[in-house]
Amino acid sequence: MKISTDRQYFHKLYAVADDPWSFASSAYERRKYALTVDTLPRVRYLSAFEPGCSIGVLTELLAPRCDSLLATDIVPSALDQATKRLEDYKNVLVEYRAIPESWPDETFDLIVLSEVAYYFDTSSLRDVLEHVERSTSQGAHVIAVHWRGETDYPLTGDDAHALIDEIRSLRNVVHHVEDAFVLDLWERVT
């Protein structure tokens, strides 16, 4: 059983490349981001949280839909790029935070888990999901999208989504599967 991905993995990737997954240029990322934003059922959210924002490409698409958006990551160089990319969005706060231990105290009506959940082992992801529950209330949305291909991460994208689907307070309202990725949207019902 593989434990959660060592955080140095991310620091090493960004030491070699400013955009190690080609977030800003990949057709896969463009399609995934467009579908993620288009899946959101509300035109506007009061308060959103995007852990693992990386260089802020998805964050930039989410920003016009949110009154406030907290975007976080654990890699300072990625956060520098995100801060620069998002400097015109006064509603976006970019911060260094590691989850689950630095989970914010706010309540959110949107939480975006884009390509982050499968870096945790089952136990750690369940801890993250307890924080998701504590920081959302009835009617909030949780959206997750993850690569389905082969990785050496502790979980597959499908496994991560199955764990999220176990949360009784969340009802799945969108389930979209492609060869490359899985996207799910849940609504907080209790």
N, C-alpha and C. Protein backbone atom coordinates (compact mmCIF):
# COMPACT_ATOMS: atom_id res chain seq x y z
N MET A 1 0.85 -1.18 0.00
CA MET A 1 0.00 0.00 0.00
C MET A 1 0.89 1.24 0.00
N LYS A 2 0.62 2.15 -0.91
CA LYS A 2 1.40 3.37 -1.03
C LYS A 2 0.80 4.45 -0.15
N ILE A 3 1.66 5.16 0.58
CA ILE A 3 1.19 6.27 1.41
C ILE A 3 1.10 7.53 0.56
N SER A 4 0.57 8.60 1.13
CA SER A 4 0.41 9.85 0.40
C SER A 4 1.72 10.28 -0.25
N THR A 5 1.59 10.93 -1.40
CA THR A 5 2.74 11.37 -2.16
C THR A 5 3.58 12.34 -1.34
N ASP A 6 4.88 12.10 -1.30
CA ASP A 6 5.81 12.97 -0.59
C ASP A 6 5.76 14.36 -1.22
N ARG A 7 5.67 15.37 -0.40
CA ARG A 7 5.53 16.74 -0.90
C ARG A 7 6.77 17.20 -1.66
N GLN A 8 7.91 16.60 -1.40
CA GLN A 8 9.12 16.95 -2.15
C GLN A 8 8.98 16.60 -3.63
N TYR A 9 8.12 15.65 -3.95
CA TYR A 9 7.84 15.28 -5.34
C TYR A 9 7.43 16.52 -6.14
N PHE A 10 6.56 17.33 -5.57
CA PHE A 10 6.05 18.52 -6.26
C PHE A 10 7.14 19.59 -6.36
N HIS A 11 7.88 19.78 -5.30
CA HIS A 11 8.97 20.76 -5.32
C HIS A 11 10.00 20.40 -6.39
N LYS A 12 10.32 19.13 -6.52
CA LYS A 12 11.28 18.69 -7.53
C LYS A 12 10.76 18.93 -8.94
N LEU A 13 9.48 18.66 -9.16
CA LEU A 13 8.90 18.88 -10.49
C LEU A 13 8.97 20.35 -10.90
N TYR A 14 8.62 21.23 -9.98
CA TYR A 14 8.64 22.66 -10.30
C TYR A 14 10.05 23.23 -10.35
N ALA A 15 11.02 22.56 -9.78
CA ALA A 15 12.41 22.98 -9.88
C ALA A 15 12.94 22.75 -11.30
N VAL A 16 12.36 21.78 -11.99
CA VAL A 16 12.79 21.43 -13.34
C VAL A 16 12.00 22.21 -14.39
N ALA A 17 10.71 22.47 -14.13
CA ALA A 17 9.86 23.14 -15.12
C ALA A 17 8.86 24.06 -14.42
N ASP A 18 8.62 25.23 -15.01
CA ASP A 18 7.65 26.18 -14.44
C ASP A 18 6.23 25.63 -14.49
N ASP A 19 5.94 24.80 -15.49
CA ASP A 19 4.60 24.25 -15.69
C ASP A 19 4.74 22.76 -16.02
N PRO A 20 5.06 21.94 -15.01
CA PRO A 20 5.43 20.54 -15.28
C PRO A 20 4.34 19.69 -15.91
N TRP A 21 3.09 20.05 -15.77
CA TRP A 21 2.00 19.29 -16.39
C TRP A 21 1.41 20.01 -17.60
N SER A 22 2.05 21.07 -18.05
CA SER A 22 1.58 21.86 -19.22
C SER A 22 0.16 22.37 -19.03
N PHE A 23 -0.15 22.84 -17.82
CA PHE A 23 -1.49 23.36 -17.54
C PHE A 23 -1.88 24.49 -18.49
N ALA A 24 -0.93 25.33 -18.86
CA ALA A 24 -1.24 26.51 -19.67
C ALA A 24 -1.30 26.21 -21.17
N SER A 25 -0.83 25.03 -21.60
CA SER A 25 -0.75 24.80 -23.04
C SER A 25 -1.37 23.49 -23.54
N SER A 26 -1.69 22.58 -22.66
CA SER A 26 -2.17 21.26 -23.07
C SER A 26 -3.64 21.27 -23.51
N ALA A 27 -3.92 20.60 -24.61
CA ALA A 27 -5.31 20.46 -25.07
C ALA A 27 -6.13 19.67 -24.05
N TYR A 28 -5.52 18.66 -23.44
CA TYR A 28 -6.20 17.90 -22.38
C TYR A 28 -6.63 18.83 -21.26
N GLU A 29 -5.73 19.68 -20.79
CA GLU A 29 -6.06 20.60 -19.69
C GLU A 29 -7.13 21.59 -20.11
N ARG A 30 -7.03 22.15 -21.31
CA ARG A 30 -8.06 23.10 -21.78
C ARG A 30 -9.44 22.46 -21.78
N ARG A 31 -9.54 21.26 -22.31
CA ARG A 31 -10.84 20.56 -22.35
C ARG A 31 -11.35 20.28 -20.94
N LYS A 32 -10.48 19.77 -20.10
CA LYS A 32 -10.86 19.43 -18.73
C LYS A 32 -11.30 20.67 -17.96
N TYR A 33 -10.56 21.75 -18.09
CA TYR A 33 -10.92 22.99 -17.39
C TYR A 33 -12.24 23.56 -17.89
N ALA A 34 -12.43 23.56 -19.21
CA ALA A 34 -13.69 24.08 -19.76
C ALA A 34 -14.88 23.27 -19.26
N LEU A 35 -14.74 21.96 -19.27
CA LEU A 35 -15.82 21.10 -18.79
C LEU A 35 -16.05 21.30 -17.29
N THR A 36 -14.98 21.47 -16.54
CA THR A 36 -15.11 21.71 -15.09
C THR A 36 -15.93 22.96 -14.83
N VAL A 37 -15.58 24.05 -15.46
CA VAL A 37 -16.29 25.32 -15.25
C VAL A 37 -17.71 25.24 -15.78
N ASP A 38 -17.90 24.61 -16.95
CA ASP A 38 -19.25 24.50 -17.53
C ASP A 38 -20.17 23.61 -16.71
N THR A 39 -19.60 22.68 -15.94
CA THR A 39 -20.41 21.77 -15.12
C THR A 39 -21.00 22.47 -13.90
N LEU A 40 -20.37 23.54 -13.46
CA LEU A 40 -20.87 24.23 -12.26
C LEU A 40 -22.30 24.72 -12.48
N PRO A 41 -23.23 24.32 -11.62
CA PRO A 41 -24.64 24.65 -11.85
C PRO A 41 -25.01 26.11 -11.55
N ARG A 42 -24.20 26.78 -10.76
CA ARG A 42 -24.52 28.18 -10.44
C ARG A 42 -23.69 29.13 -11.29
N VAL A 43 -24.29 30.24 -11.59
CA VAL A 43 -23.56 31.29 -12.30
C VAL A 43 -22.52 31.91 -11.37
N ARG A 44 -22.85 31.99 -10.09
CA ARG A 44 -22.00 32.69 -9.12
C ARG A 44 -21.93 31.92 -7.81
N TYR A 45 -20.75 31.92 -7.19
CA TYR A 45 -20.53 31.33 -5.88
C TYR A 45 -20.03 32.42 -4.94
N LEU A 46 -20.46 32.34 -3.68
CA LEU A 46 -20.04 33.34 -2.70
C LEU A 46 -18.60 33.13 -2.28
N SER A 47 -18.25 31.88 -1.98
CA SER A 47 -16.93 31.61 -1.44
C SER A 47 -16.46 30.23 -1.91
N ALA A 48 -15.34 30.22 -2.63
CA ALA A 48 -14.82 28.97 -3.20
C ALA A 48 -13.42 28.71 -2.68
N PHE A 49 -13.05 27.42 -2.68
CA PHE A 49 -11.73 26.99 -2.25
C PHE A 49 -11.19 26.02 -3.27
N GLU A 50 -9.96 26.31 -3.75
CA GLU A 50 -9.28 25.44 -4.69
C GLU A 50 -7.90 25.08 -4.13
N PRO A 51 -7.80 23.99 -3.38
CA PRO A 51 -6.48 23.54 -2.94
C PRO A 51 -5.72 22.95 -4.12
N GLY A 52 -4.40 23.12 -4.11
CA GLY A 52 -3.59 22.58 -5.20
C GLY A 52 -3.78 23.35 -6.50
N CYS A 53 -3.82 24.67 -6.41
CA CYS A 53 -4.11 25.50 -7.59
C CYS A 53 -2.97 25.56 -8.58
N SER A 54 -1.78 25.14 -8.20
CA SER A 54 -0.59 25.19 -9.05
C SER A 54 -0.37 26.62 -9.56
N ILE A 55 -0.24 26.78 -10.87
CA ILE A 55 0.08 28.09 -11.45
C ILE A 55 -1.16 28.94 -11.72
N GLY A 56 -2.33 28.44 -11.34
CA GLY A 56 -3.54 29.25 -11.38
C GLY A 56 -4.32 29.28 -12.68
N VAL A 57 -4.10 28.33 -13.57
CA VAL A 57 -4.82 28.33 -14.85
C VAL A 57 -6.31 28.09 -14.64
N LEU A 58 -6.68 27.05 -13.91
CA LEU A 58 -8.09 26.81 -13.60
C LEU A 58 -8.64 27.92 -12.71
N THR A 59 -7.85 28.38 -11.79
CA THR A 59 -8.26 29.46 -10.89
C THR A 59 -8.71 30.68 -11.69
N GLU A 60 -8.00 31.00 -12.74
CA GLU A 60 -8.34 32.15 -13.58
C GLU A 60 -9.71 31.98 -14.23
N LEU A 61 -10.07 30.75 -14.56
CA LEU A 61 -11.39 30.48 -15.14
C LEU A 61 -12.49 30.51 -14.09
N LEU A 62 -12.15 30.12 -12.87
CA LEU A 62 -13.13 30.11 -11.77
C LEU A 62 -13.37 31.52 -11.22
N ALA A 63 -12.37 32.37 -11.24
CA ALA A 63 -12.43 33.69 -10.59
C ALA A 63 -13.65 34.52 -10.98
N PRO A 64 -14.03 34.61 -12.24
CA PRO A 64 -15.19 35.43 -12.59
C PRO A 64 -16.52 34.90 -12.05
N ARG A 65 -16.51 33.67 -11.57
CA ARG A 65 -17.73 33.03 -11.07
C ARG A 65 -17.85 33.09 -9.55
N CYS A 66 -16.87 33.71 -8.87
CA CYS A 66 -16.81 33.66 -7.41
C CYS A 66 -16.69 35.06 -6.82
N ASP A 67 -17.45 35.31 -5.75
CA ASP A 67 -17.26 36.56 -5.01
C ASP A 67 -15.91 36.56 -4.31
N SER A 68 -15.54 35.41 -3.74
CA SER A 68 -14.20 35.23 -3.19
C SER A 68 -13.73 33.81 -3.49
N LEU A 69 -12.44 33.71 -3.77
CA LEU A 69 -11.85 32.43 -4.14
C LEU A 69 -10.50 32.32 -3.46
N LEU A 70 -10.34 31.30 -2.63
CA LEU A 70 -9.08 31.00 -1.98
C LEU A 70 -8.40 29.90 -2.78
N ALA A 71 -7.22 30.22 -3.34
CA ALA A 71 -6.45 29.28 -4.14
C ALA A 71 -5.14 29.02 -3.41
N THR A 72 -4.84 27.75 -3.18
CA THR A 72 -3.66 27.42 -2.38
C THR A 72 -2.80 26.35 -3.06
N ASP A 73 -1.54 26.33 -2.64
CA ASP A 73 -0.63 25.30 -3.11
C ASP A 73 0.53 25.21 -2.11
N ILE A 74 1.37 24.20 -2.31
CA ILE A 74 2.51 24.00 -1.40
C ILE A 74 3.85 24.33 -2.05
N VAL A 75 3.82 24.75 -3.31
CA VAL A 75 5.05 25.05 -4.03
C VAL A 75 5.15 26.56 -4.24
N PRO A 76 6.10 27.21 -3.57
CA PRO A 76 6.20 28.67 -3.68
C PRO A 76 6.34 29.20 -5.11
N SER A 77 7.11 28.52 -5.96
CA SER A 77 7.28 29.02 -7.33
C SER A 77 5.97 28.93 -8.12
N ALA A 78 5.17 27.90 -7.87
CA ALA A 78 3.86 27.80 -8.52
C ALA A 78 2.95 28.93 -8.02
N LEU A 79 3.00 29.20 -6.72
CA LEU A 79 2.20 30.28 -6.16
C LEU A 79 2.61 31.64 -6.70
N ASP A 80 3.91 31.83 -6.96
CA ASP A 80 4.37 33.08 -7.57
C ASP A 80 3.73 33.27 -8.95
N GLN A 81 3.71 32.19 -9.73
CA GLN A 81 3.09 32.26 -11.06
C GLN A 81 1.59 32.51 -10.95
N ALA A 82 0.93 31.82 -10.01
CA ALA A 82 -0.51 32.01 -9.83
C ALA A 82 -0.82 33.45 -9.41
N THR A 83 -0.03 33.99 -8.50
CA THR A 83 -0.24 35.36 -8.04
C THR A 83 -0.14 36.33 -9.20
N LYS A 84 0.85 36.15 -10.04
CA LYS A 84 1.02 37.02 -11.21
C LYS A 84 -0.14 36.86 -12.18
N ARG A 85 -0.52 35.61 -12.46
CA ARG A 85 -1.62 35.34 -13.39
C ARG A 85 -2.94 35.96 -12.89
N LEU A 86 -3.12 35.99 -11.58
CA LEU A 86 -4.41 36.40 -11.00
C LEU A 86 -4.40 37.81 -10.42
N GLU A 87 -3.37 38.59 -10.71
CA GLU A 87 -3.22 39.90 -10.07
C GLU A 87 -4.39 40.85 -10.37
N ASP A 88 -5.10 40.67 -11.46
CA ASP A 88 -6.23 41.54 -11.78
C ASP A 88 -7.52 41.13 -11.07
N TYR A 89 -7.52 39.99 -10.42
CA TYR A 89 -8.71 39.49 -9.73
C TYR A 89 -8.60 39.79 -8.24
N LYS A 90 -9.24 40.85 -7.82
CA LYS A 90 -9.18 41.27 -6.41
C LYS A 90 -9.96 40.33 -5.50
N ASN A 91 -10.80 39.47 -6.09
CA ASN A 91 -11.59 38.51 -5.32
C ASN A 91 -10.85 37.20 -5.05
N VAL A 92 -9.61 37.09 -5.55
CA VAL A 92 -8.84 35.85 -5.40
C VAL A 92 -7.70 36.08 -4.42
N LEU A 93 -7.61 35.18 -3.45
CA LEU A 93 -6.50 35.18 -2.50
C LEU A 93 -5.68 33.92 -2.76
N VAL A 94 -4.39 34.11 -3.06
CA VAL A 94 -3.47 33.01 -3.31
C VAL A 94 -2.60 32.85 -2.08
N GLU A 95 -2.59 31.64 -1.51
CA GLU A 95 -1.86 31.39 -0.27
C GLU A 95 -1.11 30.08 -0.30
N TYR A 96 -0.02 30.05 0.47
CA TYR A 96 0.67 28.79 0.73
C TYR A 96 -0.11 28.07 1.83
N ARG A 97 -0.63 26.90 1.51
CA ARG A 97 -1.32 26.06 2.49
C ARG A 97 -1.17 24.61 2.08
N ALA A 98 -0.93 23.77 3.06
CA ALA A 98 -0.90 22.33 2.85
C ALA A 98 -2.18 21.75 3.45
N ILE A 99 -2.80 20.86 2.71
CA ILE A 99 -3.99 20.21 3.25
C ILE A 99 -3.63 18.76 3.59
N PRO A 100 -4.24 18.21 4.61
CA PRO A 100 -5.35 18.74 5.38
C PRO A 100 -4.97 19.62 6.56
N GLU A 101 -3.68 19.64 6.95
CA GLU A 101 -3.32 20.29 8.22
C GLU A 101 -3.53 21.80 8.23
N SER A 102 -3.50 22.45 7.09
CA SER A 102 -3.72 23.90 7.05
C SER A 102 -5.04 24.25 6.38
N TRP A 103 -6.01 23.38 6.55
CA TRP A 103 -7.32 23.62 5.94
C TRP A 103 -7.90 24.91 6.51
N PRO A 104 -8.45 25.77 5.66
CA PRO A 104 -8.98 27.06 6.15
C PRO A 104 -10.21 26.89 7.04
N ASP A 105 -10.47 27.89 7.87
CA ASP A 105 -11.60 27.86 8.80
C ASP A 105 -12.92 28.30 8.16
N GLU A 106 -12.86 28.89 6.98
CA GLU A 106 -14.06 29.43 6.33
C GLU A 106 -15.05 28.34 5.94
N THR A 107 -16.25 28.80 5.63
CA THR A 107 -17.28 27.94 5.03
C THR A 107 -17.37 28.30 3.55
N PHE A 108 -17.40 27.30 2.71
CA PHE A 108 -17.40 27.51 1.26
C PHE A 108 -18.66 26.93 0.64
N ASP A 109 -19.12 27.58 -0.43
CA ASP A 109 -20.22 26.98 -1.18
C ASP A 109 -19.72 26.30 -2.46
N LEU A 110 -18.39 26.31 -2.67
CA LEU A 110 -17.77 25.55 -3.76
C LEU A 110 -16.37 25.13 -3.32
N ILE A 111 -16.10 23.83 -3.45
CA ILE A 111 -14.75 23.31 -3.25
C ILE A 111 -14.36 22.57 -4.53
N VAL A 112 -13.19 22.91 -5.05
CA VAL A 112 -12.70 22.35 -6.30
C VAL A 112 -11.49 21.46 -6.01
N LEU A 113 -11.65 20.17 -6.28
CA LEU A 113 -10.57 19.19 -6.09
C LEU A 113 -10.13 18.73 -7.48
N SER A 114 -9.27 19.51 -8.09
CA SER A 114 -8.82 19.22 -9.45
C SER A 114 -7.42 18.62 -9.40
N GLU A 115 -7.34 17.34 -9.72
CA GLU A 115 -6.07 16.63 -9.79
C GLU A 115 -5.28 16.71 -8.48
N VAL A 116 -5.98 16.62 -7.35
CA VAL A 116 -5.28 16.63 -6.06
C VAL A 116 -5.60 15.41 -5.19
N ALA A 117 -6.79 14.85 -5.29
CA ALA A 117 -7.24 13.83 -4.34
C ALA A 117 -6.44 12.54 -4.45
N TYR A 118 -5.97 12.20 -5.63
CA TYR A 118 -5.28 10.91 -5.76
C TYR A 118 -3.84 10.93 -5.27
N TYR A 119 -3.36 12.07 -4.82
CA TYR A 119 -2.03 12.14 -4.23
C TYR A 119 -2.04 11.69 -2.76
N PHE A 120 -3.22 11.52 -2.20
CA PHE A 120 -3.37 11.08 -0.82
C PHE A 120 -3.65 9.58 -0.78
N ASP A 121 -3.20 8.93 0.28
CA ASP A 121 -3.63 7.55 0.49
C ASP A 121 -5.06 7.58 1.02
N THR A 122 -5.68 6.44 1.15
CA THR A 122 -7.09 6.37 1.54
C THR A 122 -7.35 7.06 2.87
N SER A 123 -6.54 6.79 3.86
CA SER A 123 -6.74 7.39 5.18
C SER A 123 -6.60 8.91 5.14
N SER A 124 -5.57 9.40 4.47
CA SER A 124 -5.35 10.85 4.39
C SER A 124 -6.45 11.53 3.59
N LEU A 125 -6.90 10.90 2.50
CA LEU A 125 -7.99 11.50 1.72
C LEU A 125 -9.27 11.55 2.56
N ARG A 126 -9.52 10.53 3.35
CA ARG A 126 -10.70 10.57 4.22
C ARG A 126 -10.60 11.74 5.21
N ASP A 127 -9.40 12.03 5.69
CA ASP A 127 -9.18 13.19 6.55
C ASP A 127 -9.49 14.48 5.79
N VAL A 128 -9.00 14.60 4.57
CA VAL A 128 -9.31 15.77 3.73
C VAL A 128 -10.82 15.90 3.56
N LEU A 129 -11.49 14.80 3.31
CA LEU A 129 -12.93 14.83 3.06
C LEU A 129 -13.73 15.20 4.31
N GLU A 130 -13.20 14.87 5.49
CA GLU A 130 -13.84 15.35 6.73
C GLU A 130 -13.78 16.88 6.79
N HIS A 131 -12.68 17.44 6.35
CA HIS A 131 -12.56 18.91 6.29
C HIS A 131 -13.54 19.49 5.26
N VAL A 132 -13.69 18.80 4.14
CA VAL A 132 -14.66 19.24 3.12
C VAL A 132 -16.04 19.32 3.75
N GLU A 133 -16.42 18.28 4.48
CA GLU A 133 -17.73 18.28 5.13
C GLU A 133 -17.88 19.40 6.14
N ARG A 134 -16.85 19.60 6.95
CA ARG A 134 -16.93 20.64 7.99
C ARG A 134 -16.98 22.05 7.42
N SER A 135 -16.45 22.25 6.22
CA SER A 135 -16.37 23.60 5.67
C SER A 135 -17.39 23.87 4.58
N THR A 136 -18.42 23.01 4.49
CA THR A 136 -19.52 23.25 3.55
C THR A 136 -20.83 23.11 4.31
N SER A 137 -21.85 23.72 3.76
CA SER A 137 -23.19 23.58 4.33
C SER A 137 -24.16 23.19 3.22
N GLN A 138 -25.39 22.96 3.59
CA GLN A 138 -26.38 22.48 2.64
C GLN A 138 -26.42 23.37 1.40
N GLY A 139 -26.42 22.72 0.23
CA GLY A 139 -26.46 23.44 -1.04
C GLY A 139 -25.10 23.69 -1.65
N ALA A 140 -24.03 23.51 -0.89
CA ALA A 140 -22.67 23.72 -1.42
C ALA A 140 -22.36 22.65 -2.47
N HIS A 141 -21.44 22.98 -3.36
CA HIS A 141 -21.00 22.04 -4.39
C HIS A 141 -19.54 21.66 -4.17
N VAL A 142 -19.25 20.41 -4.45
CA VAL A 142 -17.89 19.89 -4.46
C VAL A 142 -17.70 19.30 -5.85
N ILE A 143 -16.69 19.79 -6.54
CA ILE A 143 -16.40 19.26 -7.88
C ILE A 143 -15.01 18.66 -7.85
N ALA A 144 -14.88 17.49 -8.46
CA ALA A 144 -13.58 16.81 -8.52
C ALA A 144 -13.37 16.32 -9.94
N VAL A 145 -12.14 16.44 -10.40
CA VAL A 145 -11.77 15.95 -11.73
C VAL A 145 -10.35 15.41 -11.63
N HIS A 146 -10.16 14.19 -12.15
CA HIS A 146 -8.86 13.53 -12.04
C HIS A 146 -8.55 12.68 -13.27
N TRP A 147 -7.28 12.65 -13.59
CA TRP A 147 -6.75 11.81 -14.66
C TRP A 147 -7.06 10.35 -14.35
N ARG A 148 -7.39 9.58 -15.37
CA ARG A 148 -7.73 8.17 -15.20
C ARG A 148 -6.62 7.25 -15.69
N GLY A 149 -5.59 7.80 -16.27
CA GLY A 149 -4.51 6.97 -16.80
C GLY A 149 -3.63 6.41 -15.71
N GLU A 150 -2.65 5.67 -16.14
CA GLU A 150 -1.71 5.02 -15.23
C GLU A 150 -0.85 6.06 -14.52
N THR A 151 -0.70 5.90 -13.22
CA THR A 151 0.17 6.76 -12.42
C THR A 151 0.85 5.89 -11.36
N ASP A 152 1.73 6.51 -10.62
CA ASP A 152 2.29 5.82 -9.46
C ASP A 152 1.80 6.50 -8.18
N TYR A 153 0.68 7.20 -8.27
CA TYR A 153 0.09 7.87 -7.11
C TYR A 153 -0.60 6.84 -6.21
N PRO A 154 -0.85 7.19 -4.96
CA PRO A 154 -1.47 6.23 -4.05
C PRO A 154 -2.86 5.74 -4.50
N LEU A 155 -3.63 6.61 -5.17
CA LEU A 155 -4.97 6.25 -5.63
C LEU A 155 -5.10 6.54 -7.12
N THR A 156 -6.03 5.88 -7.76
CA THR A 156 -6.40 6.26 -9.12
C THR A 156 -7.44 7.37 -9.03
N GLY A 157 -7.68 8.04 -10.14
CA GLY A 157 -8.75 9.04 -10.17
C GLY A 157 -10.08 8.41 -9.81
N ASP A 158 -10.36 7.23 -10.36
CA ASP A 158 -11.62 6.55 -10.06
C ASP A 158 -11.73 6.21 -8.58
N ASP A 159 -10.63 5.73 -7.98
CA ASP A 159 -10.64 5.40 -6.55
C ASP A 159 -10.91 6.63 -5.70
N ALA A 160 -10.28 7.74 -6.03
CA ALA A 160 -10.48 8.98 -5.28
C ALA A 160 -11.94 9.41 -5.35
N HIS A 161 -12.54 9.33 -6.53
CA HIS A 161 -13.94 9.73 -6.67
C HIS A 161 -14.88 8.78 -5.93
N ALA A 162 -14.53 7.50 -5.91
CA ALA A 162 -15.35 6.54 -5.16
C ALA A 162 -15.33 6.87 -3.66
N LEU A 163 -14.18 7.31 -3.15
CA LEU A 163 -14.10 7.68 -1.73
C LEU A 163 -14.94 8.94 -1.45
N ILE A 164 -14.88 9.91 -2.35
CA ILE A 164 -15.70 11.11 -2.17
C ILE A 164 -17.18 10.73 -2.21
N ASP A 165 -17.51 9.82 -3.09
CA ASP A 165 -18.90 9.39 -3.24
C ASP A 165 -19.45 8.72 -1.99
N GLU A 166 -18.57 8.25 -1.09
CA GLU A 166 -19.01 7.62 0.15
C GLU A 166 -19.53 8.62 1.19
N ILE A 167 -19.28 9.90 1.00
CA ILE A 167 -19.71 10.90 1.98
C ILE A 167 -21.24 11.01 1.92
N ARG A 168 -21.87 10.68 3.01
CA ARG A 168 -23.34 10.62 3.04
C ARG A 168 -24.00 11.97 2.89
N SER A 169 -23.31 13.03 3.26
CA SER A 169 -23.91 14.36 3.16
C SER A 169 -23.84 14.92 1.74
N LEU A 170 -23.16 14.21 0.85
CA LEU A 170 -23.04 14.65 -0.54
C LEU A 170 -23.86 13.75 -1.47
N ARG A 171 -24.55 14.39 -2.40
CA ARG A 171 -25.31 13.64 -3.42
C ARG A 171 -24.68 13.94 -4.77
N ASN A 172 -24.33 12.90 -5.49
CA ASN A 172 -23.72 13.08 -6.80
C ASN A 172 -24.78 13.56 -7.79
N VAL A 173 -24.50 14.68 -8.45
CA VAL A 173 -25.45 15.22 -9.42
C VAL A 173 -24.91 15.21 -10.84
N VAL A 174 -23.60 15.08 -11.01
CA VAL A 174 -22.99 14.94 -12.34
C VAL A 174 -21.88 13.91 -12.24
N HIS A 175 -21.92 12.94 -13.13
CA HIS A 175 -20.85 11.94 -13.23
C HIS A 175 -20.48 11.84 -14.70
N HIS A 176 -19.28 12.28 -15.04
CA HIS A 176 -18.83 12.31 -16.43
C HIS A 176 -17.51 11.55 -16.50
N VAL A 177 -17.47 10.55 -17.37
CA VAL A 177 -16.27 9.74 -17.52
C VAL A 177 -15.83 9.74 -18.97
N GLU A 178 -14.55 10.00 -19.16
CA GLU A 178 -13.90 9.86 -20.46
C GLU A 178 -12.69 8.95 -20.26
N ASP A 179 -12.09 8.50 -21.34
CA ASP A 179 -10.89 7.68 -21.20
C ASP A 179 -9.83 8.39 -20.38
N ALA A 180 -9.69 9.71 -20.59
CA ALA A 180 -8.61 10.46 -19.96
C ALA A 180 -8.91 10.89 -18.53
N PHE A 181 -10.16 11.25 -18.23
CA PHE A 181 -10.45 11.77 -16.90
C PHE A 181 -11.87 11.47 -16.46
N VAL A 182 -12.07 11.60 -15.16
CA VAL A 182 -13.39 11.46 -14.55
C VAL A 182 -13.70 12.79 -13.86
N LEU A 183 -14.93 13.24 -14.02
CA LEU A 183 -15.39 14.48 -13.40
C LEU A 183 -16.70 14.19 -12.68
N ASP A 184 -16.77 14.60 -11.43
CA ASP A 184 -17.99 14.45 -10.63
C ASP A 184 -18.31 15.75 -9.92
N LEU A 185 -19.60 16.03 -9.81
CA LEU A 185 -20.07 17.17 -9.02
C LEU A 185 -21.04 16.63 -8.00
N TRP A 186 -20.81 17.00 -6.74
CA TRP A 186 -21.69 16.62 -5.66
C TRP A 186 -22.32 17.85 -5.05
N GLU A 187 -23.53 17.70 -4.53
CA GLU A 187 -24.19 18.77 -3.79
C GLU A 187 -24.36 18.34 -2.35
N ARG A 188 -24.08 19.25 -1.45
CA ARG A 188 -24.26 18.98 -0.01
C ARG A 188 -25.76 18.99 0.27
N VAL A 189 -26.28 17.88 0.75
CA VAL A 189 -27.72 17.74 0.96
C VAL A 189 -28.14 17.79 2.42
N THR A 190 -27.22 17.62 3.35
CA THR A 190 -27.56 17.71 4.78
C THR A 190 -26.56 18.59 5.49
